[in-house]
């Protein structure tokens, strides 16, 4: 179409020139020394046109080698792109071995883009060939030095996916120098510290994660609670209550307000014998919001004034008369107060609402002298046989701490019965023998 339009324009121009020149073709005289050329203006124009065309043709012939080279380069690129597309399709569809073979063929060309090297490394990693993965990444850095940050990101990601934590840490240390403010660096560091369970470094990373907006507010809160939960357990591992309290004060205020984390802190305080502070915290937290897990811990609390402890729990009963955990708690507190009648009533009411092995064991211990204990022991054993643990404090009513099972920290002993009814050790041995 372009040539057709060009030919039409030439034809129209020729007709126009002929119509103008035929009546008077003009006269042209060119002299140079002893030589002179005479012709008409029309002939001169034709000669000039032919000379222009000839020069253009010569120039075209001069550029033929360069144009052939460009054509071959474009054809090569098209072939590479086609092979790369086919390899990516196979990799996506799960044909990883074939995809790696295609990608390896592409890598024979030094013109292969960096995406080919990274895709080949991913394919080799999926197949479990870490040596080939590292080889592809090394080639990528050699042939594309400008892409060293992207290559390092891919390397760290693949190392973390294979739990090669030492290698990943080395790679991320290099990335902290190359791209210290990159969100990708922060994300990979977060994954590394989580796999290493390095809670202190992860806690140091929390402010940067919050500023980067890499995590939503809820995701950051969950991560912060998880980190601090593990730290609280670590604080108490030395059996030093002062270290636990100091570590708790160092936690961010927003994290301290988490109900599940507060529950773990109270459990550790009780485990280390700091019952006075645990009692204060339990009273405040239960008043703030009803939580069966905290109510259960209140029953295990060795309060300085057991009478006040029972009065407070009975005031809660006015608002929660059918709560099985509160009834069990009152039963244990009544046993410590040697209120045998109340203890029996509360334990029987708790079993009526929700039967548990612990409630049956405590009631059976209470009824031993009345020869009514065997039925309680039998029913408790039946519940254990159904998979219910002997002591089953309810999980905290908090989505962030549903994974905090009672076994995750040292479980508190149940309320000890008075010596008038028999030793606690003897009752537990009898319950185990019956089982």
Protein backbone atom coordinates (compact mmCIF):
# COMPACT_ATOMS: atom_id res chain seq x y z
CA UNK A 1 0.00 0.00 0.00
CA UNK A 2 2.83 2.40 0.79
CA UNK A 3 4.54 1.75 -2.53
CA UNK A 4 1.28 2.11 -4.40
CA UNK A 5 0.69 5.53 -2.86
CA UNK A 6 4.27 6.54 -3.63
CA UNK A 7 3.89 5.47 -7.30
CA UNK A 8 0.66 7.40 -7.64
CA UNK A 9 2.31 10.55 -6.29
CA UNK A 10 5.20 10.19 -8.78
CA UNK A 11 2.76 9.70 -11.66
CA UNK A 12 0.74 12.77 -10.70
CA UNK A 13 3.92 14.85 -10.29
CA UNK A 14 5.19 13.70 -13.72
CA UNK A 15 1.93 14.68 -15.40
CA UNK A 16 1.97 18.05 -13.70
CA UNK A 17 5.56 18.72 -14.79
CA UNK A 18 4.80 17.65 -18.37
CA UNK A 19 1.81 19.94 -18.60
CA UNK A 20 3.88 22.86 -17.37
CA UNK A 21 7.07 22.09 -19.35
CA UNK A 22 5.70 21.08 -22.77
CA UNK A 23 4.74 24.59 -23.92
CA UNK A 24 8.13 25.92 -22.79
CA UNK A 25 10.69 23.23 -21.71
CA UNK A 26 13.15 25.92 -20.59
CA UNK A 27 16.86 26.25 -21.27
CA UNK A 28 19.78 25.35 -19.02
CA UNK A 29 23.48 26.09 -19.69
CA UNK A 30 26.15 24.75 -17.36
CA UNK A 31 29.74 25.86 -18.03
CA UNK A 32 32.94 24.60 -16.38
CA UNK A 33 36.23 25.80 -17.85
CA UNK A 34 36.32 24.99 -21.57
CA UNK A 35 33.33 22.67 -21.18
CA UNK A 36 29.66 23.55 -21.29
CA UNK A 37 26.41 21.56 -21.15
CA UNK A 38 23.21 22.76 -22.71
CA UNK A 39 19.85 21.09 -22.03
CA UNK A 40 16.28 21.80 -21.15
CA UNK A 41 15.07 22.24 -17.63
CA UNK A 42 12.90 19.13 -17.89
CA UNK A 43 15.82 16.89 -18.81
CA UNK A 44 17.87 18.36 -15.95
CA UNK A 45 15.12 17.51 -13.48
CA UNK A 46 14.90 13.95 -14.77
CA UNK A 47 18.68 13.50 -14.51
CA UNK A 48 18.70 14.82 -10.96
CA UNK A 49 15.87 12.47 -10.00
CA UNK A 50 17.64 9.46 -11.43
CA UNK A 51 20.86 10.45 -9.64
CA UNK A 52 19.00 10.65 -6.32
CA UNK A 53 17.47 7.21 -6.84
CA UNK A 54 20.87 5.73 -7.71
CA UNK A 55 22.46 7.18 -4.59
CA UNK A 56 19.68 5.81 -2.41
CA UNK A 57 20.16 2.36 -3.90
CA UNK A 58 23.90 2.48 -3.29
CA UNK A 59 23.30 3.55 0.32
CA UNK A 60 20.85 0.67 0.73
CA UNK A 61 23.40 -1.82 -0.53
CA UNK A 62 25.96 -0.42 1.91
CA UNK A 63 23.62 -1.14 4.88
CA UNK A 64 22.59 -4.63 3.76
CA UNK A 65 25.04 -6.48 6.13
CA UNK A 66 23.82 -4.50 9.16
CA UNK A 67 20.20 -5.12 8.25
CA UNK A 68 20.82 -8.85 7.82
CA UNK A 69 22.51 -8.92 11.24
CA UNK A 70 19.55 -7.13 12.83
CA UNK A 71 17.14 -9.55 11.20
CA UNK A 72 19.06 -12.55 12.51
CA UNK A 73 19.15 -10.98 16.00
CA UNK A 74 15.40 -10.42 16.00
CA UNK A 75 14.81 -13.97 14.80
CA UNK A 76 17.07 -15.30 17.57
CA UNK A 77 15.21 -13.26 20.17
CA UNK A 78 11.88 -14.53 18.91
CA UNK A 79 13.12 -18.11 19.18
CA UNK A 80 14.38 -17.51 22.72
CA UNK A 81 11.10 -15.92 23.75
CA UNK A 82 9.16 -18.83 22.31
CA UNK A 83 11.29 -21.38 24.17
CA UNK A 84 11.04 -19.36 27.39
CA UNK A 85 7.24 -19.16 27.10
CA UNK A 86 7.04 -22.91 26.56
CA UNK A 87 9.29 -23.55 29.56
CA UNK A 88 7.23 -21.29 31.82
CA UNK A 89 4.01 -23.02 30.71
CA UNK A 90 5.50 -26.41 31.53
CA UNK A 91 6.81 -25.17 34.86
CA UNK A 92 3.38 -23.80 35.77
CA UNK A 93 1.64 -27.00 34.70
CA UNK A 94 3.95 -29.11 36.86
CA UNK A 95 6.22 -30.58 34.20
CA UNK A 96 9.27 -29.33 36.06
CA UNK A 97 11.89 -31.65 34.56
CA UNK A 98 11.01 -30.74 30.98
CA UNK A 99 10.85 -27.07 31.94
CA UNK A 100 14.36 -27.21 33.41
CA UNK A 101 15.73 -28.89 30.29
CA UNK A 102 14.27 -26.15 28.08
CA UNK A 103 15.60 -23.45 30.35
CA UNK A 104 19.05 -25.07 30.39
CA UNK A 105 19.06 -24.93 26.58
CA UNK A 106 18.24 -21.25 26.73
CA UNK A 107 21.13 -20.62 29.12
CA UNK A 108 23.61 -21.72 26.45
CA UNK A 109 22.99 -18.32 24.90
CA UNK A 110 24.67 -15.47 26.71
CA UNK A 111 21.82 -13.26 25.51
CA UNK A 112 19.31 -15.09 27.71
CA UNK A 113 17.50 -12.64 30.03
CA UNK A 114 17.88 -12.87 33.79
CA UNK A 115 14.36 -14.30 34.15
CA UNK A 116 15.58 -17.48 32.46
CA UNK A 117 18.29 -18.00 35.09
CA UNK A 118 15.90 -17.36 37.97
CA UNK A 119 13.26 -19.69 36.53
CA UNK A 120 15.86 -22.41 35.98
CA UNK A 121 16.99 -22.04 39.61
CA UNK A 122 13.40 -22.38 40.83
CA UNK A 123 12.88 -25.50 38.71
CA UNK A 124 16.09 -27.09 39.99
CA UNK A 125 15.09 -26.25 43.57
CA UNK A 126 11.70 -27.92 43.12
CA UNK A 127 13.45 -31.03 41.83
CA UNK A 128 15.80 -31.02 44.82
CA UNK A 129 18.99 -30.28 42.88
CA UNK A 130 20.49 -27.55 45.03
CA UNK A 131 23.85 -27.71 43.25
CA UNK A 132 22.22 -26.92 39.90
CA UNK A 133 20.16 -24.19 41.56
CA UNK A 134 23.29 -22.50 42.87
CA UNK A 135 25.00 -22.93 39.48
CA UNK A 136 22.17 -21.11 37.66
CA UNK A 137 22.17 -18.30 40.20
CA UNK A 138 25.95 -17.91 39.95
CA UNK A 139 25.70 -17.68 36.16
CA UNK A 140 22.99 -15.05 36.54
CA UNK A 141 25.24 -12.90 38.71
CA UNK A 142 28.17 -13.29 36.32
CA UNK A 143 26.24 -12.45 33.15
CA UNK A 144 23.86 -9.91 34.69
CA UNK A 145 25.78 -8.12 37.46
CA UNK A 146 23.19 -5.33 37.46
CA UNK A 147 20.60 -7.85 38.69
CA UNK A 148 22.54 -9.04 41.75
CA UNK A 149 19.82 -7.83 44.16
CA UNK A 150 17.08 -9.72 42.33
CA UNK A 151 19.28 -12.81 42.18
CA UNK A 152 20.01 -12.58 45.92
CA UNK A 153 16.29 -12.26 46.71
CA UNK A 154 15.57 -15.41 44.73
CA UNK A 155 18.48 -17.24 46.34
CA UNK A 156 17.34 -16.37 49.88
CA UNK A 157 13.75 -17.32 49.09
CA UNK A 158 14.75 -20.73 47.72
CA UNK A 159 17.10 -21.39 50.63
CA UNK A 160 14.34 -20.61 53.12
CA UNK A 161 11.93 -22.91 51.29
CA UNK A 162 14.44 -25.74 51.87
CA UNK A 163 15.07 -24.70 55.51
CA UNK A 164 18.73 -24.00 54.72
CA UNK A 165 18.81 -21.40 57.46
CA UNK A 166 22.55 -20.80 57.72
CA UNK A 167 22.89 -20.23 53.97
CA UNK A 168 19.79 -18.03 53.96
CA UNK A 169 21.18 -15.94 56.81
CA UNK A 170 24.42 -15.39 54.86
CA UNK A 171 22.44 -14.31 51.78
CA UNK A 172 20.19 -11.99 53.79
CA UNK A 173 23.18 -10.43 55.53
CA UNK A 174 24.46 -9.49 52.07
CA UNK A 175 21.01 -8.19 51.14
CA UNK A 176 20.91 -5.97 54.22
CA UNK A 177 23.90 -4.19 52.71
CA UNK A 178 22.60 -4.13 49.13
CA UNK A 179 18.96 -3.26 49.87
CA UNK A 180 18.57 -2.38 53.57
CA UNK A 181 15.25 -0.56 53.15
CA UNK A 182 13.60 -3.05 50.85
CA UNK A 183 10.31 -4.54 52.04
CA UNK A 184 11.35 -7.81 50.45
CA UNK A 185 14.42 -7.89 52.69
CA UNK A 186 12.25 -7.34 55.78
CA UNK A 187 9.83 -10.05 54.73
CA UNK A 188 12.58 -12.61 54.17
CA UNK A 189 14.23 -11.70 57.47
CA UNK A 190 10.89 -12.21 59.20
CA UNK A 191 10.56 -15.69 57.65
CA UNK A 192 14.14 -16.54 58.61
CA UNK A 193 13.74 -15.52 62.26
CA UNK A 194 10.43 -17.37 62.52
CA UNK A 195 12.04 -20.57 61.26
CA UNK A 196 15.02 -20.07 63.57
CA UNK A 197 12.67 -19.19 66.44
CA UNK A 198 14.96 -16.26 67.13
CA UNK A 199 12.39 -14.29 69.10
CA UNK A 200 14.75 -11.52 70.21
CA UNK A 201 15.80 -10.61 66.65
CA UNK A 202 12.22 -10.91 65.49
CA UNK A 203 11.13 -8.57 68.25
CA UNK A 204 13.84 -6.08 67.17
CA UNK A 205 12.41 -6.31 63.65
CA UNK A 206 8.83 -5.50 64.73
CA UNK A 207 9.15 -1.66 64.59
CA UNK A 208 10.55 -1.80 61.03
CA UNK A 209 7.77 -4.18 59.97
CA UNK A 210 5.17 -1.83 61.41
CA UNK A 211 6.62 1.22 59.65
CA UNK A 212 6.90 -0.58 56.32
CA UNK A 213 3.17 -1.43 56.20
CA UNK A 214 4.25 -4.84 54.93
CA UNK A 215 1.73 -6.40 57.31
CA UNK A 216 -1.78 -5.25 58.04
CA UNK A 217 -2.55 -4.04 61.53
CA UNK A 218 -4.12 -7.37 62.48
CA UNK A 219 -1.25 -9.40 61.00
CA UNK A 220 1.32 -7.30 62.85
CA UNK A 221 -0.63 -7.75 66.08
CA UNK A 222 -0.69 -11.53 65.63
CA UNK A 223 3.03 -11.64 64.93
CA UNK A 224 3.85 -9.40 67.90
CA UNK A 225 1.74 -11.54 70.23
CA UNK A 226 3.37 -14.73 68.96
CA UNK A 227 6.85 -13.31 69.47
CA UNK A 228 6.11 -11.96 72.92
CA UNK A 229 4.31 -15.15 73.95
CA UNK A 230 7.45 -17.17 73.26
CA UNK A 231 9.53 -14.58 75.06
CA UNK A 232 7.32 -14.74 78.13
CA UNK A 233 7.86 -18.50 78.27
CA UNK A 234 11.61 -17.95 77.87
CA UNK A 235 11.60 -15.34 80.64
CA UNK A 236 10.10 -17.89 83.03
CA UNK A 237 12.36 -20.76 81.97
CA UNK A 238 15.05 -19.62 84.41
CA UNK A 239 12.55 -19.99 87.30
CA UNK A 240 13.24 -16.38 88.25
CA UNK A 241 10.05 -14.44 88.90
CA UNK A 242 11.90 -11.10 88.91
CA UNK A 243 13.29 -11.81 85.42
CA UNK A 244 9.76 -12.67 84.28
CA UNK A 245 8.34 -9.40 85.63
CA UNK A 246 11.19 -7.36 84.14
CA UNK A 247 10.76 -9.01 80.75
CA UNK A 248 7.01 -8.38 80.85
CA UNK A 249 7.51 -4.67 81.49
CA UNK A 250 9.76 -4.47 78.43
CA UNK A 251 7.01 -5.70 76.11
CA UNK A 252 5.08 -3.12 74.03
CA UNK A 253 2.00 -1.78 75.80
CA UNK A 254 -0.29 -2.75 72.93
CA UNK A 255 0.91 -6.35 73.17
CA UNK A 256 0.47 -6.51 76.94
CA UNK A 257 -3.25 -5.84 76.42
CA UNK A 258 -3.69 -9.08 74.50
CA UNK A 259 -5.89 -11.40 76.54
CA UNK A 260 -4.19 -14.63 75.49
CA UNK A 261 -0.72 -13.28 76.25
CA UNK A 262 -1.88 -11.98 79.62
CA UNK A 263 -3.21 -15.47 80.39
CA UNK A 264 0.18 -17.03 79.70
CA UNK A 265 1.89 -14.41 81.88
CA UNK A 266 -0.47 -15.17 84.76
CA UNK A 267 0.14 -18.91 84.35
CA UNK A 268 3.90 -18.36 84.57
CA UNK A 269 3.51 -16.14 87.63
CA UNK A 270 1.53 -18.88 89.36
CA UNK A 271 4.04 -21.53 88.31
CA UNK A 272 6.83 -19.48 89.89
CA UNK A 273 4.83 -18.88 93.08
CA UNK A 274 3.92 -15.20 92.56
CA UNK A 275 0.30 -15.86 93.50
CA UNK A 276 -0.34 -12.42 94.98
CA UNK A 277 0.36 -10.56 91.76
CA UNK A 278 -1.41 -13.28 89.77
CA UNK A 279 -4.50 -12.83 91.96
CA UNK A 280 -4.57 -9.09 91.29
CA UNK A 281 -4.22 -9.56 87.56
CA UNK A 282 -6.87 -12.30 87.46
CA UNK A 283 -9.39 -10.15 89.29
CA UNK A 284 -8.80 -7.22 86.93
CA UNK A 285 -8.88 -9.31 83.75
CA UNK A 286 -12.02 -11.27 84.68
CA UNK A 287 -13.77 -8.03 85.61
CA UNK A 288 -12.79 -6.58 82.25
CA UNK A 289 -14.19 -9.54 80.31
CA UNK A 290 -15.43 -13.02 81.22
CA UNK A 291 -12.87 -15.65 80.28
CA UNK A 292 -13.21 -19.29 81.30
CA UNK A 293 -9.49 -19.89 81.03
CA UNK A 294 -8.81 -17.18 83.61
CA UNK A 295 -11.64 -18.46 85.81
CA UNK A 296 -10.04 -21.91 85.76
CA UNK A 297 -6.69 -20.42 86.80
CA UNK A 298 -8.45 -18.59 89.63
CA UNK A 299 -9.41 -21.98 91.03
CA UNK A 300 -5.75 -23.07 91.11
CA UNK A 301 -4.64 -19.83 92.73
CA UNK A 302 -3.09 -20.15 96.22
CA UNK A 303 -4.66 -16.99 97.56
CA UNK A 304 -3.52 -15.43 100.83
CA UNK A 305 -7.15 -15.14 101.96
CA UNK A 306 -9.11 -18.16 100.71
CA UNK A 307 -12.35 -16.84 102.23
CA UNK A 308 -12.18 -13.65 100.16
CA UNK A 309 -11.29 -15.75 97.14
CA UNK A 310 -14.45 -17.82 97.60
CA UNK A 311 -16.62 -14.73 98.19
CA UNK A 312 -15.39 -13.17 94.94
CA UNK A 313 -16.03 -16.36 92.97
CA UNK A 314 -19.53 -16.68 94.44
CA UNK A 315 -20.31 -13.11 93.34
CA UNK A 316 -19.33 -14.15 89.84
CA UNK A 317 -21.72 -17.10 90.18
CA UNK A 318 -24.63 -14.68 90.52
CA UNK A 319 -23.97 -13.50 86.95
CA UNK A 320 -22.87 -16.89 85.56
CA UNK A 321 -24.91 -19.47 87.49
CA UNK A 322 -24.51 -22.28 84.95
CA UNK A 323 -20.87 -21.88 83.97
CA UNK A 324 -19.25 -25.34 84.44
CA UNK A 325 -15.73 -23.93 84.78
CA UNK A 326 -16.79 -21.45 87.47
CA UNK A 327 -18.61 -24.25 89.35
CA UNK A 328 -15.48 -26.42 89.16
CA UNK A 329 -13.39 -23.48 90.40
CA UNK A 330 -15.74 -22.95 93.34
CA UNK A 331 -15.55 -26.65 94.11
CA UNK A 332 -11.75 -26.52 94.34
CA UNK A 333 -11.79 -23.35 96.45
CA UNK A 334 -14.40 -24.90 98.77
CA UNK A 335 -12.18 -27.94 99.24
CA UNK A 336 -9.32 -25.67 100.34
CA UNK A 337 -11.74 -23.92 102.71
CA UNK A 338 -12.81 -27.36 104.05
CA UNK A 339 -16.44 -26.60 103.09
CA UNK A 340 -17.22 -30.21 102.15
CA UNK A 341 -20.92 -29.70 101.54
CA UNK A 342 -20.40 -26.74 99.25
CA UNK A 343 -17.56 -28.49 97.48
CA UNK A 344 -19.78 -31.50 96.73
CA UNK A 345 -22.65 -29.29 95.50
CA UNK A 346 -20.41 -27.25 93.23
CA UNK A 347 -18.63 -30.29 91.78
CA UNK A 348 -21.92 -32.11 91.13
CA UNK A 349 -23.36 -28.98 89.47
CA UNK A 350 -20.25 -28.65 87.32
CA UNK A 351 -20.52 -32.29 86.23
CA UNK A 352 -24.20 -31.76 85.42
CA UNK A 353 -23.32 -28.83 83.14
CA UNK A 354 -20.16 -30.36 81.61
CA UNK A 355 -18.64 -33.61 82.85
CA UNK A 356 -14.83 -33.63 83.03
CA UNK A 357 -12.36 -36.19 84.42
CA UNK A 358 -10.98 -33.60 86.82
CA UNK A 359 -14.39 -32.88 88.33
CA UNK A 360 -15.10 -36.60 88.75
CA UNK A 361 -11.67 -37.16 90.34
CA UNK A 362 -12.16 -34.36 92.85
CA UNK A 363 -15.67 -35.51 93.67
CA UNK A 364 -14.50 -39.10 93.99
CA UNK A 365 -11.76 -38.03 96.41
CA UNK A 366 -14.36 -36.17 98.44
CA UNK A 367 -16.73 -39.15 98.58
CA UNK A 368 -14.18 -41.86 99.41
CA UNK A 369 -15.26 -42.16 103.04
CA UNK A 370 -18.90 -42.39 101.99
CA UNK A 371 -18.14 -45.35 99.67
CA UNK A 372 -19.54 -43.38 96.76
CA UNK A 373 -16.22 -42.70 95.08
CA UNK A 374 -16.02 -45.71 92.76
CA UNK A 375 -18.80 -44.46 90.50
CA UNK A 376 -17.07 -41.06 90.12
CA UNK A 377 -13.76 -42.72 89.33
CA UNK A 378 -15.42 -45.01 86.79
CA UNK A 379 -17.12 -42.12 85.00
CA UNK A 380 -13.91 -40.08 85.02
CA UNK A 381 -11.99 -42.98 83.50
CA UNK A 382 -14.64 -43.33 80.79
CA UNK A 383 -14.14 -39.67 79.84
CA UNK A 384 -10.38 -40.13 79.67
CA UNK A 385 -10.95 -43.15 77.46
CA UNK A 386 -12.94 -40.91 75.13
CA UNK A 387 -9.89 -38.70 74.66
CA UNK A 388 -10.60 -35.98 77.23
CA UNK A 389 -7.52 -34.98 79.28
CA UNK A 390 -7.65 -35.48 83.03
CA UNK A 391 -7.33 -31.74 83.61
CA UNK A 392 -8.84 -29.70 80.80
CA UNK A 393 -8.76 -25.94 81.38
CA UNK A 394 -10.62 -24.19 78.55
CA UNK A 395 -8.66 -22.34 75.89
CA UNK A 396 -8.63 -18.55 76.06
CA UNK A 397 -11.46 -16.87 74.15
CA UNK A 398 -9.04 -15.18 71.85
CA UNK A 399 -8.39 -16.00 68.20
CA UNK A 400 -4.75 -15.06 68.56
CA UNK A 401 -4.13 -17.63 71.29
CA UNK A 402 -6.24 -20.62 70.37
CA UNK A 403 -3.02 -22.54 69.81
CA UNK A 404 -2.01 -21.99 73.44
CA UNK A 405 -2.94 -25.36 74.82
CA UNK A 406 -2.58 -26.02 78.54
CA UNK A 407 0.34 -28.33 77.81
CA UNK A 408 2.33 -25.50 76.24
CA UNK A 409 3.35 -24.38 79.71
CA UNK A 410 3.68 -26.28 82.92
CA UNK A 411 0.12 -27.17 83.98
CA UNK A 412 -0.89 -25.93 87.42
CA UNK A 413 -1.76 -28.54 90.02
CA UNK A 414 -5.41 -28.83 90.97
CA UNK A 415 -6.62 -27.79 94.39
CA UNK A 416 -5.12 -29.92 97.12
CA UNK A 417 -7.66 -31.61 99.39
CA UNK A 418 -7.36 -31.33 103.17
CA UNK A 419 -5.64 -34.13 105.05
CA UNK A 420 -8.95 -35.12 106.70
CA UNK A 421 -10.08 -36.67 103.43
CA UNK A 422 -6.78 -38.38 102.62
CA UNK A 423 -3.53 -37.39 100.99
CA UNK A 424 -3.60 -36.00 97.48
CA UNK A 425 -0.91 -38.44 96.37
CA UNK A 426 -2.90 -41.43 97.64
CA UNK A 427 -6.02 -40.27 95.79
CA UNK A 428 -4.15 -39.71 92.54
CA UNK A 429 -2.56 -43.17 92.84
CA UNK A 430 -5.94 -44.70 93.44
CA UNK A 431 -7.41 -42.91 90.43
CA UNK A 432 -4.49 -44.14 88.26
CA UNK A 433 -4.91 -47.70 89.57
CA UNK A 434 -8.59 -47.64 88.77
CA UNK A 435 -7.78 -46.53 85.25
